[in-house]
Amino acid sequence: MTQQEWRPYVQRYLASRTLFGALDLTDDSWKGAKYGDIAFRGQADLSWGLVPKSLRHEEGWGFGEFKTIGPLETAESQAWFEYQSLLSFSHFADQSGILMPGDLNHLRRLSENARHDDVYWKDNWPSDEHLGMLAIAQHHGIATRLLDFTYDPFIALWFASQDRLHSGTDWSSRLCAIWAIDLRYLRKIRVLGNQSRSSIVEVRVPNAGNEFLSAQRGLFLLDRLTSSRANGISYPGLQTVCSEETEWWRDRKGYWGPNGIDSQFVLPYRIIAFSASLAKELISSLFHRKIHRASLMPSLEHVVEFLEESEASGYGYLLNDL
């Protein structure tokens, strides 16, 4: 889907005060949503779609003989390379004494039971028992077909602003974006059935032992039909999948009552865009909400990074308010 096609869903903000108000879930525009009902993702550029890292063109990923650039030509090869990346990550995490969710032995046996070109990879990757392991790998930078989101809109705002500040590019004339997807709708249509029209699933892992993910109120979204949508061509992005599935469900009026589906949910998604020139001001405002690098990535190393970053970026004065 092109930027022009989804532009009608974009709300633009040029002042931080109105932006903060728009992200407040008590606003009527969220249609009664509460914490945990909406998935938010912050991105430094409005023009970027919701494409997982392993499916982005010109994005290098993988390791060793399984290192590649961009998506592969067949769904089987794509899944096989993603599997090998996860296997490498999980193996060395386990070897280092780091507890991982899921069954590592079962993950290892997959390569014994299915060849790299086997249709198994297109139809079954990733299986439910490997989603927790895959989510942790994704959260720590391994390229997968999952996308990171957060339940907290202001954490998404921090990531979009922070990525903008550290881009090394003058984007003062551009727009950053917060994407919002209504999880109430995704949960509802999965209950109703029809897998081909309810393919996006919410993936969560336990907070225990995952301090960063817990601090960031993190979750992941996965398109279960990624393989069939991206077989030899560019993956269209979750924004396109959301739009297409929403149009299909809108026509099934009997499910939604007299006022229709749009009266109940924020559809097909919402994009809250803001001027990139606001990024530094927003980082300062979020600091007072206790949203910063040290709070979102709780470790002594990141505390030091936060202090150094504050000085280098010119907002070290905030530390005077402790």
C-alpha atoms as a PDB file:
ATOM      1  CA  MET A   1       0.000   0.000   0.000  1.00  0.00           C
ATOM      2  CA  THR A   2       1.395   3.404  -0.887  1.00  0.00           C
ATOM      3  CA  GLN A   3       1.645   6.337   1.475  1.00  0.00           C
ATOM      4  CA  GLN A   4      -1.079   8.148  -0.504  1.00  0.00           C
ATOM      5  CA  GLU A   5      -3.522   5.270  -0.002  1.00  0.00           C
ATOM      6  CA  TRP A   6      -3.285   5.322   3.777  1.00  0.00           C
ATOM      7  CA  ARG A   7      -2.931   9.073   4.199  1.00  0.00           C
ATOM      8  CA  PRO A   8      -6.632   9.587   5.186  1.00  0.00           C
ATOM      9  CA  TYR A   9      -5.897   7.791   8.462  1.00  0.00           C
ATOM     10  CA  VAL A  10      -3.062  10.166   9.448  1.00  0.00           C
ATOM     11  CA  GLN A  11      -3.529  12.791  12.164  1.00  0.00           C
ATOM     12  CA  ARG A  12      -0.778  15.420  12.161  1.00  0.00           C
ATOM     13  CA  TYR A  13       0.398  17.372  15.210  1.00  0.00           C
ATOM     14  CA  LEU A  14       2.804  20.280  15.269  1.00  0.00           C
ATOM     15  CA  ALA A  15       2.691  21.041  19.022  1.00  0.00           C
ATOM     16  CA  SER A  16       3.661  18.697  21.854  1.00  0.00           C
ATOM     17  CA  ARG A  17       0.706  19.661  24.042  1.00  0.00           C
ATOM     18  CA  THR A  18      -1.929  18.607  21.513  1.00  0.00           C
ATOM     19  CA  LEU A  19       0.117  15.520  20.659  1.00  0.00           C
ATOM     20  CA  PHE A  20       0.131  14.375  24.295  1.00  0.00           C
ATOM     21  CA  GLY A  21      -3.616  14.920  24.443  1.00  0.00           C
ATOM     22  CA  ALA A  22      -4.176  12.809  21.339  1.00  0.00           C
ATOM     23  CA  LEU A  23      -2.223   9.913  22.866  1.00  0.00           C
ATOM     24  CA  ASP A  24      -4.286   9.927  26.069  1.00  0.00           C
ATOM     25  CA  LEU A  25      -6.619   6.912  25.967  1.00  0.00           C
ATOM     26  CA  THR A  26      -9.313   8.859  27.810  1.00  0.00           C
ATOM     27  CA  ASP A  27      -9.835  10.843  24.598  1.00  0.00           C
ATOM     28  CA  ASP A  28     -13.145   9.921  22.942  1.00  0.00           C
ATOM     29  CA  SER A  29     -11.414   9.124  19.663  1.00  0.00           C
ATOM     30  CA  TRP A  30     -10.128   5.872  21.206  1.00  0.00           C
ATOM     31  CA  LYS A  31     -13.722   4.621  21.569  1.00  0.00           C
ATOM     32  CA  GLY A  32     -13.490   3.479  25.155  1.00  0.00           C
ATOM     33  CA  ALA A  33     -10.151   1.699  24.835  1.00  0.00           C
ATOM     34  CA  LYS A  34      -8.258   0.958  28.034  1.00  0.00           C
ATOM     35  CA  TYR A  35      -4.649   0.063  28.703  1.00  0.00           C
ATOM     36  CA  GLY A  36      -3.898  -3.186  26.878  1.00  0.00           C
ATOM     37  CA  ASP A  37      -6.510  -2.598  24.167  1.00  0.00           C
ATOM     38  CA  ILE A  38      -4.276  -0.758  21.684  1.00  0.00           C
ATOM     39  CA  ALA A  39      -0.844  -1.709  20.318  1.00  0.00           C
ATOM     40  CA  PHE A  40       1.433   1.278  19.613  1.00  0.00           C
ATOM     41  CA  ARG A  41       4.615   1.447  17.553  1.00  0.00           C
ATOM     42  CA  GLY A  42       6.826   4.523  17.202  1.00  0.00           C
ATOM     43  CA  GLN A  43       8.789   5.079  13.988  1.00  0.00           C
ATOM     44  CA  ALA A  44      11.113   7.928  13.055  1.00  0.00           C
ATOM     45  CA  ASP A  45       9.667   8.381   9.572  1.00  0.00           C
ATOM     46  CA  LEU A  46       6.011   8.522   8.569  1.00  0.00           C
ATOM     47  CA  SER A  47       6.780   7.019   5.169  1.00  0.00           C
ATOM     48  CA  TRP A  48       7.882   3.696   6.655  1.00  0.00           C
ATOM     49  CA  GLY A  49       5.266   0.970   6.662  1.00  0.00           C
ATOM     50  CA  LEU A  50       4.898  -1.861   9.155  1.00  0.00           C
ATOM     51  CA  VAL A  51       7.315  -4.320   7.569  1.00  0.00           C
ATOM     52  CA  PRO A  52       9.237  -6.815   9.764  1.00  0.00           C
ATOM     53  CA  LYS A  53      13.021  -6.588   9.677  1.00  0.00           C
ATOM     54  CA  SER A  54      13.604  -9.896   7.884  1.00  0.00           C
ATOM     55  CA  LEU A  55      11.347  -8.764   5.032  1.00  0.00           C
ATOM     56  CA  ARG A  56      12.757  -5.280   4.434  1.00  0.00           C
ATOM     57  CA  HIS A  57      14.597  -4.738   1.191  1.00  0.00           C
ATOM     58  CA  GLU A  58      18.259  -3.697   1.494  1.00  0.00           C
ATOM     59  CA  GLU A  59      18.275  -4.788   5.162  1.00  0.00           C
ATOM     60  CA  GLY A  60      21.104  -7.184   5.974  1.00  0.00           C
ATOM     61  CA  TRP A  61      20.307  -9.961   8.437  1.00  0.00           C
ATOM     62  CA  GLY A  62      21.289 -13.474   9.463  1.00  0.00           C
ATOM     63  CA  PHE A  63      24.645 -14.985  10.373  1.00  0.00           C
ATOM     64  CA  GLY A  64      27.442 -16.940   8.698  1.00  0.00           C
ATOM     65  CA  GLU A  65      26.351 -18.899   5.650  1.00  0.00           C
ATOM     66  CA  PHE A  66      22.783 -17.815   6.346  1.00  0.00           C
ATOM     67  CA  LYS A  67      23.524 -14.082   6.142  1.00  0.00           C
ATOM     68  CA  THR A  68      21.502 -12.339   3.441  1.00  0.00           C
ATOM     69  CA  ILE A  69      20.042  -9.004   2.371  1.00  0.00           C
ATOM     70  CA  GLY A  70      16.317  -8.452   2.180  1.00  0.00           C
ATOM     71  CA  PRO A  71      13.629 -11.103   1.707  1.00  0.00           C
ATOM     72  CA  LEU A  72      14.463 -14.332  -0.119  1.00  0.00           C
ATOM     73  CA  GLU A  73      12.853 -15.520  -3.346  1.00  0.00           C
ATOM     74  CA  THR A  74      10.806 -18.375  -1.881  1.00  0.00           C
ATOM     75  CA  ALA A  75       8.777 -18.658   1.293  1.00  0.00           C
ATOM     76  CA  GLU A  76      10.592 -21.888   2.186  1.00  0.00           C
ATOM     77  CA  SER A  77      14.031 -20.226   1.981  1.00  0.00           C
ATOM     78  CA  GLN A  78      12.818 -17.184   3.886  1.00  0.00           C
ATOM     79  CA  ALA A  79      11.515 -19.296   6.754  1.00  0.00           C
ATOM     80  CA  TRP A  80      14.623 -21.511   6.711  1.00  0.00           C
ATOM     81  CA  PHE A  81      16.954 -18.508   7.097  1.00  0.00           C
ATOM     82  CA  GLU A  82      14.788 -17.067   9.892  1.00  0.00           C
ATOM     83  CA  TYR A  83      14.899 -20.449  11.607  1.00  0.00           C
ATOM     84  CA  GLN A  84      18.699 -20.565  11.375  1.00  0.00           C
ATOM     85  CA  SER A  85      18.984 -17.064  12.881  1.00  0.00           C
ATOM     86  CA  LEU A  86      16.769 -18.071  15.795  1.00  0.00           C
ATOM     87  CA  LEU A  87      18.676 -21.323  16.261  1.00  0.00           C
ATOM     88  CA  SER A  88      22.019 -19.477  16.445  1.00  0.00           C
ATOM     89  CA  PHE A  89      20.643 -16.906  18.902  1.00  0.00           C
ATOM     90  CA  SER A  90      18.993 -19.504  21.136  1.00  0.00           C
ATOM     91  CA  HIS A  91      21.992 -21.860  21.086  1.00  0.00           C
ATOM     92  CA  PHE A  92      24.494 -19.254  22.245  1.00  0.00           C
ATOM     93  CA  ALA A  93      22.048 -17.727  24.738  1.00  0.00           C
ATOM     94  CA  ASP A  94      21.643 -21.191  26.265  1.00  0.00           C
ATOM     95  CA  GLN A  95      25.401 -21.781  26.163  1.00  0.00           C
ATOM     96  CA  SER A  96      25.841 -18.510  28.075  1.00  0.00           C
ATOM     97  CA  GLY A  97      23.430 -19.643  30.787  1.00  0.00           C
ATOM     98  CA  ILE A  98      20.584 -17.348  29.724  1.00  0.00           C
ATOM     99  CA  LEU A  99      17.129 -18.860  30.196  1.00  0.00           C
ATOM    100  CA  MET A 100      15.015 -18.856  27.034  1.00  0.00           C
ATOM    101  CA  PRO A 101      11.310 -19.650  26.723  1.00  0.00           C
ATOM    102  CA  GLY A 102      10.307 -22.711  24.733  1.00  0.00           C
ATOM    103  CA  ASP A 103      11.956 -26.034  23.991  1.00  0.00           C
ATOM    104  CA  LEU A 104      15.431 -25.565  22.501  1.00  0.00           C
ATOM    105  CA  ASN A 105      15.805 -29.285  21.802  1.00  0.00           C
ATOM    106  CA  HIS A 106      12.595 -29.261  19.781  1.00  0.00           C
ATOM    107  CA  LEU A 107      13.883 -26.252  17.847  1.00  0.00           C
ATOM    108  CA  ARG A 108      17.117 -28.092  17.036  1.00  0.00           C
ATOM    109  CA  ARG A 109      15.253 -31.178  15.828  1.00  0.00           C
ATOM    110  CA  LEU A 110      13.362 -29.215  13.180  1.00  0.00           C
ATOM    111  CA  SER A 111      16.403 -29.168  10.906  1.00  0.00           C
ATOM    112  CA  GLU A 112      16.613 -32.960  11.209  1.00  0.00           C
ATOM    113  CA  ASN A 113      12.979 -33.486  10.255  1.00  0.00           C
ATOM    114  CA  ALA A 114      12.569 -30.952   7.427  1.00  0.00           C
ATOM    115  CA  ARG A 115      14.921 -30.031   4.575  1.00  0.00           C
ATOM    116  CA  HIS A 116      15.623 -26.386   3.837  1.00  0.00           C
ATOM    117  CA  ASP A 117      13.290 -26.449   0.806  1.00  0.00           C
ATOM    118  CA  ASP A 118      10.548 -28.450   2.472  1.00  0.00           C
ATOM    119  CA  VAL A 119       7.011 -27.057   2.247  1.00  0.00           C
ATOM    120  CA  TYR A 120       6.926 -27.411   6.054  1.00  0.00           C
ATOM    121  CA  TRP A 121       8.702 -24.077   6.360  1.00  0.00           C
ATOM    122  CA  LYS A 122       6.117 -22.216   4.317  1.00  0.00           C
ATOM    123  CA  ASP A 123       3.115 -23.747   6.050  1.00  0.00           C
ATOM    124  CA  ASN A 124       4.288 -24.054   9.659  1.00  0.00           C
ATOM    125  CA  TRP A 125       6.927 -21.444  10.463  1.00  0.00           C
ATOM    126  CA  PRO A 126       6.853 -20.240  13.142  1.00  0.00           C
ATOM    127  CA  SER A 127       4.900 -22.777  15.188  1.00  0.00           C
ATOM    128  CA  ASP A 128       3.189 -21.729  18.407  1.00  0.00           C
ATOM    129  CA  GLU A 129       5.769 -23.445  20.629  1.00  0.00           C
ATOM    130  CA  HIS A 130       8.526 -21.239  19.201  1.00  0.00           C
ATOM    131  CA  LEU A 131       6.769 -17.866  19.396  1.00  0.00           C
ATOM    132  CA  GLY A 132       8.094 -16.994  22.857  1.00  0.00           C
ATOM    133  CA  MET A 133      11.669 -17.727  21.796  1.00  0.00           C
ATOM    134  CA  LEU A 134      11.151 -15.808  18.549  1.00  0.00           C
ATOM    135  CA  ALA A 135       9.730 -12.805  20.408  1.00  0.00           C
ATOM    136  CA  ILE A 136      12.743 -12.575  22.727  1.00  0.00           C
ATOM    137  CA  ALA A 137      15.089 -12.843  19.740  1.00  0.00           C
ATOM    138  CA  GLN A 138      13.180 -10.097  17.924  1.00  0.00           C
ATOM    139  CA  HIS A 139      13.276  -7.845  20.967  1.00  0.00           C
ATOM    140  CA  HIS A 140      17.058  -8.173  21.115  1.00  0.00           C
ATOM    141  CA  GLY A 141      17.645  -7.364  17.466  1.00  0.00           C
ATOM    142  CA  ILE A 142      17.409 -10.675  15.595  1.00  0.00           C
ATOM    143  CA  ALA A 143      15.583 -10.266  12.272  1.00  0.00           C
ATOM    144  CA  THR A 144      12.237 -12.085  12.388  1.00  0.00           C
ATOM    145  CA  ARG A 145       8.770 -11.692  10.909  1.00  0.00           C
ATOM    146  CA  LEU A 146       7.464 -10.231  14.176  1.00  0.00           C
ATOM    147  CA  LEU A 147       7.092  -6.504  14.859  1.00  0.00           C
ATOM    148  CA  ASP A 148       7.641  -4.884  18.261  1.00  0.00           C
ATOM    149  CA  PHE A 149       4.798  -2.855  19.760  1.00  0.00           C
ATOM    150  CA  THR A 150       3.992  -1.457  23.197  1.00  0.00           C
ATOM    151  CA  TYR A 151       0.784  -1.039  25.159  1.00  0.00           C
ATOM    152  CA  ASP A 152       1.951   2.445  26.250  1.00  0.00           C
ATOM    153  CA  PRO A 153       1.568   5.241  23.652  1.00  0.00           C
ATOM    154  CA  PHE A 154       4.128   7.434  25.403  1.00  0.00           C
ATOM    155  CA  ILE A 155       6.771   4.721  25.248  1.00  0.00           C
ATOM    156  CA  ALA A 156       6.099   4.494  21.505  1.00  0.00           C
ATOM    157  CA  LEU A 157       6.519   8.267  21.368  1.00  0.00           C
ATOM    158  CA  TRP A 158       9.903   7.982  23.093  1.00  0.00           C
ATOM    159  CA  PHE A 159      11.169   5.421  20.586  1.00  0.00           C
ATOM    160  CA  ALA A 160      10.061   7.497  17.599  1.00  0.00           C
ATOM    161  CA  SER A 161      11.662  10.643  19.049  1.00  0.00           C
ATOM    162  CA  GLN A 162      14.827   8.880  20.160  1.00  0.00           C
ATOM    163  CA  ASP A 163      15.336   7.200  16.789  1.00  0.00           C
ATOM    164  CA  ARG A 164      14.844  10.558  15.114  1.00  0.00           C
ATOM    165  CA  LEU A 165      17.462  12.253  17.324  1.00  0.00           C
ATOM    166  CA  HIS A 166      20.024   9.529  16.688  1.00  0.00           C
ATOM    167  CA  SER A 167      19.438   9.170  12.974  1.00  0.00           C
ATOM    168  CA  GLY A 168      22.324  11.479  12.083  1.00  0.00           C
ATOM    169  CA  THR A 169      20.094  13.050   9.431  1.00  0.00           C
ATOM    170  CA  ASP A 170      18.463  16.467   9.342  1.00  0.00           C
ATOM    171  CA  TRP A 171      14.819  15.466   9.342  1.00  0.00           C
ATOM    172  CA  SER A 172      13.474  18.733  10.727  1.00  0.00           C
ATOM    173  CA  SER A 173      11.007  19.008   7.839  1.00  0.00           C
ATOM    174  CA  ARG A 174       9.796  15.399   8.124  1.00  0.00           C
ATOM    175  CA  LEU A 175       7.142  13.689  10.204  1.00  0.00           C
ATOM    176  CA  CYS A 176       7.616  10.914  12.758  1.00  0.00           C
ATOM    177  CA  ALA A 177       4.763   8.512  13.426  1.00  0.00           C
ATOM    178  CA  ILE A 178       2.988   6.546  16.129  1.00  0.00           C
ATOM    179  CA  TRP A 179       1.054   3.630  14.655  1.00  0.00           C
ATOM    180  CA  ALA A 180      -1.912   2.347  16.662  1.00  0.00           C
ATOM    181  CA  ILE A 181      -3.687  -0.976  16.025  1.00  0.00           C
ATOM    182  CA  ASP A 182      -6.853  -1.878  17.924  1.00  0.00           C
ATOM    183  CA  LEU A 183      -6.276  -5.216  19.647  1.00  0.00           C
ATOM    184  CA  ARG A 184      -9.936  -5.469  20.655  1.00  0.00           C
ATOM    185  CA  TYR A 185     -10.776  -5.825  16.982  1.00  0.00           C
ATOM    186  CA  LEU A 186      -8.024  -8.395  16.310  1.00  0.00           C
ATOM    187  CA  ARG A 187      -9.160 -10.495  19.269  1.00  0.00           C
ATOM    188  CA  LYS A 188     -12.798 -10.291  18.210  1.00  0.00           C
ATOM    189  CA  ILE A 189     -12.311 -11.412  14.620  1.00  0.00           C
ATOM    190  CA  ARG A 190     -10.108 -14.320  15.692  1.00  0.00           C
ATOM    191  CA  VAL A 191     -12.967 -15.554  17.872  1.00  0.00           C
ATOM    192  CA  LEU A 192     -15.326 -15.234  14.902  1.00  0.00           C
ATOM    193  CA  GLY A 193     -13.070 -17.459  12.798  1.00  0.00           C
ATOM    194  CA  ASN A 194     -12.019 -17.388   9.136  1.00  0.00           C
ATOM    195  CA  GLN A 195      -8.243 -17.646   9.424  1.00  0.00           C
ATOM    196  CA  SER A 196      -7.601 -16.002   6.056  1.00  0.00           C
ATOM    197  CA  ARG A 197      -9.403 -12.859   7.267  1.00  0.00           C
ATOM    198  CA  SER A 198      -8.026 -12.753  10.816  1.00  0.00           C
ATOM    199  CA  SER A 199      -4.357 -13.525  10.317  1.00  0.00           C
ATOM    200  CA  ILE A 200      -2.708 -10.988  12.653  1.00  0.00           C
ATOM    201  CA  VAL A 201      -2.022 -12.421  16.104  1.00  0.00           C
ATOM    202  CA  GLU A 202      -0.815 -10.847  19.325  1.00  0.00           C
ATOM    203  CA  VAL A 203       2.312 -12.460  20.801  1.00  0.00           C
ATOM    204  CA  ARG A 204       3.262 -11.956  24.451  1.00  0.00           C
ATOM    205  CA  VAL A 205       5.949 -13.464  26.639  1.00  0.00           C
ATOM    206  CA  PRO A 206       6.210 -13.559  30.445  1.00  0.00           C
ATOM    207  CA  ASN A 207       7.598 -10.417  32.091  1.00  0.00           C
ATOM    208  CA  ALA A 208       9.614 -12.505  34.543  1.00  0.00           C
ATOM    209  CA  GLY A 209      13.210 -12.614  33.405  1.00  0.00           C
ATOM    210  CA  ASN A 210      12.570 -10.134  30.584  1.00  0.00           C
ATOM    211  CA  GLU A 211      13.238  -6.825  32.315  1.00  0.00           C
ATOM    212  CA  PHE A 212      13.512  -4.699  29.167  1.00  0.00           C
ATOM    213  CA  LEU A 213      10.344  -6.093  27.651  1.00  0.00           C
ATOM    214  CA  SER A 214       8.496  -5.594  30.933  1.00  0.00           C
ATOM    215  CA  ALA A 215       9.718  -2.019  31.315  1.00  0.00           C
ATOM    216  CA  GLN A 216       8.695  -1.223  27.746  1.00  0.00           C
ATOM    217  CA  ARG A 217       5.222  -2.789  28.163  1.00  0.00           C
ATOM    218  CA  GLY A 218       6.105  -4.803  25.094  1.00  0.00           C
ATOM    219  CA  LEU A 219       4.188  -7.138  22.829  1.00  0.00           C
ATOM    220  CA  PHE A 220       4.576  -8.330  19.243  1.00  0.00           C
ATOM    221  CA  LEU A 221       2.305  -8.712  16.245  1.00  0.00           C
ATOM    222  CA  LEU A 222       2.649 -11.521  13.722  1.00  0.00           C
ATOM    223  CA  ASP A 223       0.899 -12.023  10.400  1.00  0.00           C
ATOM    224  CA  ARG A 224       0.242 -15.752  10.256  1.00  0.00           C
ATOM    225  CA  LEU A 225      -0.001 -15.566   6.456  1.00  0.00           C
ATOM    226  CA  THR A 226       3.356 -13.854   5.966  1.00  0.00           C
ATOM    227  CA  SER A 227       4.701 -16.703   3.823  1.00  0.00           C
ATOM    228  CA  SER A 228       1.855 -16.644   1.327  1.00  0.00           C
ATOM    229  CA  ARG A 229       1.855 -12.839   1.108  1.00  0.00           C
ATOM    230  CA  ALA A 230       5.624 -12.503   0.614  1.00  0.00           C
ATOM    231  CA  ASN A 231       6.439 -15.520  -1.540  1.00  0.00           C
ATOM    232  CA  GLY A 232       8.950 -14.104  -4.023  1.00  0.00           C
ATOM    233  CA  ILE A 233       7.646 -10.515  -3.785  1.00  0.00           C
ATOM    234  CA  SER A 234       7.733  -7.648  -1.336  1.00  0.00           C
ATOM    235  CA  TYR A 235       5.722  -8.123   1.834  1.00  0.00           C
ATOM    236  CA  PRO A 236       2.968  -5.465   1.785  1.00  0.00           C
ATOM    237  CA  GLY A 237       3.188  -4.599   5.496  1.00  0.00           C
ATOM    238  CA  LEU A 238       0.805  -5.032   8.408  1.00  0.00           C
ATOM    239  CA  GLN A 239      -0.906  -1.758   7.473  1.00  0.00           C
ATOM    240  CA  THR A 240      -2.060  -3.270   4.173  1.00  0.00           C
ATOM    241  CA  VAL A 241      -3.149  -6.514   5.832  1.00  0.00           C
ATOM    242  CA  CYS A 242      -5.155  -4.546   8.422  1.00  0.00           C
ATOM    243  CA  SER A 243      -6.851  -2.502   5.698  1.00  0.00           C
ATOM    244  CA  GLU A 244      -7.767  -5.482   3.530  1.00  0.00           C
ATOM    245  CA  GLU A 245      -9.086  -7.560   6.410  1.00  0.00           C
ATOM    246  CA  THR A 246     -11.065  -4.627   7.800  1.00  0.00           C
ATOM    247  CA  GLU A 247     -12.789  -4.051   4.448  1.00  0.00           C
ATOM    248  CA  TRP A 248     -13.803  -7.711   4.361  1.00  0.00           C
ATOM    249  CA  TRP A 249     -15.222  -7.624   7.896  1.00  0.00           C
ATOM    250  CA  ARG A 250     -17.053  -4.337   7.282  1.00  0.00           C
ATOM    251  CA  ASP A 251     -19.188  -6.140   4.705  1.00  0.00           C
ATOM    252  CA  ARG A 252     -20.251  -8.724   7.328  1.00  0.00           C
ATOM    253  CA  LYS A 253     -22.641  -6.289   8.979  1.00  0.00           C
ATOM    254  CA  GLY A 254     -24.536  -8.972  10.887  1.00  0.00           C
ATOM    255  CA  TYR A 255     -21.622  -9.374  13.297  1.00  0.00           C
ATOM    256  CA  TRP A 256     -21.463  -5.755  14.431  1.00  0.00           C
ATOM    257  CA  GLY A 257     -24.950  -4.516  15.259  1.00  0.00           C
ATOM    258  CA  PRO A 258     -26.864  -1.582  13.767  1.00  0.00           C
ATOM    259  CA  ASN A 259     -24.033   0.948  14.128  1.00  0.00           C
ATOM    260  CA  GLY A 260     -21.446  -1.155  12.314  1.00  0.00           C
ATOM    261  CA  ILE A 261     -17.896  -2.206  13.092  1.00  0.00           C
ATOM    262  CA  ASP A 262     -16.426   1.310  12.987  1.00  0.00           C
ATOM    263  CA  SER A 263     -18.517   2.429  15.942  1.00  0.00           C
ATOM    264  CA  GLN A 264     -16.715  -0.071  18.187  1.00  0.00           C
ATOM    265  CA  PHE A 265     -13.078  -0.052  17.076  1.00  0.00           C
ATOM    266  CA  VAL A 266     -10.321   2.257  15.809  1.00  0.00           C
ATOM    267  CA  LEU A 267     -10.042   0.955  12.237  1.00  0.00           C
ATOM    268  CA  PRO A 268      -8.195  -0.112  10.267  1.00  0.00           C
ATOM    269  CA  TYR A 269      -5.448   1.575  12.312  1.00  0.00           C
ATOM    270  CA  ARG A 270      -4.480   5.092  13.339  1.00  0.00           C
ATOM    271  CA  ILE A 271      -1.328   7.034  12.562  1.00  0.00           C
ATOM    272  CA  ILE A 272      -0.489   9.939  14.827  1.00  0.00           C
ATOM    273  CA  ALA A 273       2.194  11.958  13.078  1.00  0.00           C
ATOM    274  CA  PHE A 274       4.274  14.745  14.572  1.00  0.00           C
ATOM    275  CA  SER A 275       6.960  17.099  13.373  1.00  0.00           C
ATOM    276  CA  ALA A 276      10.466  15.678  13.722  1.00  0.00           C
ATOM    277  CA  SER A 277      11.535  19.096  15.005  1.00  0.00           C
ATOM    278  CA  LEU A 278       9.626  18.312  18.225  1.00  0.00           C
ATOM    279  CA  ALA A 279      11.769  15.275  19.068  1.00  0.00           C
ATOM    280  CA  LYS A 280      14.122  16.980  21.527  1.00  0.00           C
ATOM    281  CA  GLU A 281      11.282  18.744  23.323  1.00  0.00           C
ATOM    282  CA  LEU A 282       9.335  15.479  23.564  1.00  0.00           C
ATOM    283  CA  ILE A 283      12.305  13.619  25.045  1.00  0.00           C
ATOM    284  CA  SER A 284      12.453  16.271  27.767  1.00  0.00           C
ATOM    285  CA  SER A 285       8.723  16.028  28.474  1.00  0.00           C
ATOM    286  CA  LEU A 286       8.844  12.240  28.609  1.00  0.00           C
ATOM    287  CA  PHE A 287      11.716  12.417  31.097  1.00  0.00           C
ATOM    288  CA  HIS A 288       9.294  13.988  33.585  1.00  0.00           C
ATOM    289  CA  ARG A 289       6.993  11.012  33.053  1.00  0.00           C
ATOM    290  CA  LYS A 290       9.941   8.764  33.966  1.00  0.00           C
ATOM    291  CA  ILE A 291      10.232   7.523  30.395  1.00  0.00           C
ATOM    292  CA  HIS A 292      13.868   7.503  29.290  1.00  0.00           C
ATOM    293  CA  ARG A 293      16.616   5.076  28.295  1.00  0.00           C
ATOM    294  CA  ALA A 294      17.443   4.065  31.871  1.00  0.00           C
ATOM    295  CA  SER A 295      13.822   3.326  32.768  1.00  0.00           C
ATOM    296  CA  LEU A 296      13.036   1.454  29.544  1.00  0.00           C
ATOM    297  CA  MET A 297      16.252  -0.575  29.509  1.00  0.00           C
ATOM    298  CA  PRO A 298      16.921  -1.120  33.212  1.00  0.00           C
ATOM    299  CA  SER A 299      20.591  -1.973  33.620  1.00  0.00           C
ATOM    300  CA  LEU A 300      23.573  -0.158  35.058  1.00  0.00           C
ATOM    301  CA  GLU A 301      25.116   0.133  31.592  1.00  0.00           C
ATOM    302  CA  HIS A 302      22.037   1.921  30.274  1.00  0.00           C
ATOM    303  CA  VAL A 303      21.942   4.238  33.278  1.00  0.00           C
ATOM    304  CA  VAL A 304      25.430   5.383  32.296  1.00  0.00           C
ATOM    305  CA  GLU A 305      24.403   5.628  28.619  1.00  0.00           C
ATOM    306  CA  PHE A 306      21.404   7.725  29.634  1.00  0.00           C
ATOM    307  CA  LEU A 307      23.545  10.147  31.643  1.00  0.00           C
ATOM    308  CA  GLU A 308      26.101  10.503  28.860  1.00  0.00           C
ATOM    309  CA  GLU A 309      23.398  10.816  26.231  1.00  0.00           C
ATOM    310  CA  SER A 310      21.659  13.548  28.229  1.00  0.00           C
ATOM    311  CA  GLU A 311      24.805  15.641  28.315  1.00  0.00           C
ATOM    312  CA  ALA A 312      25.710  15.067  24.665  1.00  0.00           C
ATOM    313  CA  SER A 313      22.202  15.877  23.453  1.00  0.00           C
ATOM    314  CA  GLY A 314      21.963  19.107  25.387  1.00  0.00           C
ATOM    315  CA  TYR A 315      19.287  18.142  27.889  1.00  0.00           C
ATOM    316  CA  GLY A 316      21.559  17.341  30.780  1.00  0.00           C
ATOM    317  CA  TYR A 317      19.893  20.227  32.593  1.00  0.00           C
ATOM    318  CA  LEU A 318      17.032  17.847  33.328  1.00  0.00           C
ATOM    319  CA  LEU A 319      19.279  16.061  35.797  1.00  0.00           C
ATOM    320  CA  ASN A 320      19.276  19.207  37.931  1.00  0.00           C
ATOM    321  CA  ASP A 321      15.628  18.547  38.783  1.00  0.00           C
ATOM    322  CA  LEU A 322      16.345  15.283  40.633  1.00  0.00           C
END
